[in-house]
């Protein structure tokens, strides 16, 4: 009578499960990185806009008839 390869099949199934879990983890990491990159780009754009607005306000606050001594 032929012997069953239960342990071999079990190991192969376990390896396939671990591979699938690792791929899923990689997809999640990639998705999180994409989201964080977009957020950082938006934040940097907002910061640039705010700094531009502040510099415009400062230039408007300075009097044009300032005395030079």
Protein backbone atom coordinates (compact mmCIF):
# COMPACT_ATOMS: atom_id res chain seq x y z
CA UNK A 1 0.00 0.00 0.00
CA UNK A 2 1.22 3.55 -0.83
CA UNK A 3 2.17 5.93 1.93
CA UNK A 4 0.42 9.30 2.25
CA UNK A 5 2.44 12.49 1.83
CA UNK A 6 0.40 14.29 4.46
CA UNK A 7 3.34 16.15 6.01
CA UNK A 8 4.58 17.29 2.58
CA UNK A 9 1.12 18.53 1.56
CA UNK A 10 0.67 20.23 4.93
CA UNK A 11 4.02 22.04 4.58
CA UNK A 12 3.21 23.16 1.03
CA UNK A 13 -0.16 24.49 2.17
CA UNK A 14 1.50 26.33 5.06
CA UNK A 15 4.11 27.89 2.74
CA UNK A 16 1.38 29.04 0.33
CA UNK A 17 -0.56 30.61 3.21
CA UNK A 18 2.51 32.44 4.48
CA UNK A 19 3.33 33.68 0.98
CA UNK A 20 -0.20 35.01 0.56
CA UNK A 21 -0.03 36.77 3.95
CA UNK A 22 3.31 38.37 3.03
CA UNK A 23 1.93 39.63 -0.29
CA UNK A 24 -1.05 41.11 1.53
CA UNK A 25 1.26 42.81 4.03
CA UNK A 26 3.34 44.27 1.18
CA UNK A 27 0.21 45.63 -0.53
CA UNK A 28 -0.91 47.28 2.71
CA UNK A 29 2.52 48.85 3.22
CA UNK A 30 2.57 50.14 -0.36
CA UNK A 31 -0.92 51.59 0.06
CA UNK A 32 0.04 53.27 3.35
CA UNK A 33 3.19 54.70 1.78
CA UNK A 34 1.20 56.10 -1.14
CA UNK A 35 -1.27 57.71 1.24
CA UNK A 36 1.48 59.17 3.43
CA UNK A 37 3.35 60.52 0.38
CA UNK A 38 0.20 62.22 -0.87
CA UNK A 39 -0.45 63.67 2.56
CA UNK A 40 3.10 64.96 2.84
CA UNK A 41 2.84 66.55 -0.61
CA UNK A 42 -0.42 68.24 0.37
CA UNK A 43 1.10 69.43 3.63
CA UNK A 44 4.16 70.85 1.89
CA UNK A 45 1.95 72.60 -0.67
CA UNK A 46 -0.16 74.10 2.11
CA UNK A 47 2.97 75.20 3.96
CA UNK A 48 4.31 76.87 0.81
CA UNK A 49 1.01 78.65 0.27
CA UNK A 50 0.97 79.86 3.87
CA UNK A 51 4.56 81.09 3.67
CA UNK A 52 3.77 82.91 0.42
CA UNK A 53 0.76 84.58 2.04
CA UNK A 54 2.83 85.58 5.09
CA UNK A 55 5.58 87.07 2.96
CA UNK A 56 3.00 89.06 0.99
CA UNK A 57 1.45 90.34 4.22
CA UNK A 58 4.86 91.36 5.57
CA UNK A 59 5.75 93.21 2.40
CA UNK A 60 2.43 95.07 2.54
CA UNK A 61 2.97 96.02 6.19
CA UNK A 62 6.25 97.82 5.50
CA UNK A 63 5.82 101.51 4.73
CA UNK A 64 7.01 102.72 1.38
CA UNK A 65 8.20 106.09 2.74
CA UNK A 66 10.72 104.65 5.19
CA UNK A 67 13.53 107.06 6.06
CA UNK A 68 17.06 106.01 5.31
CA UNK A 69 19.56 107.44 7.78
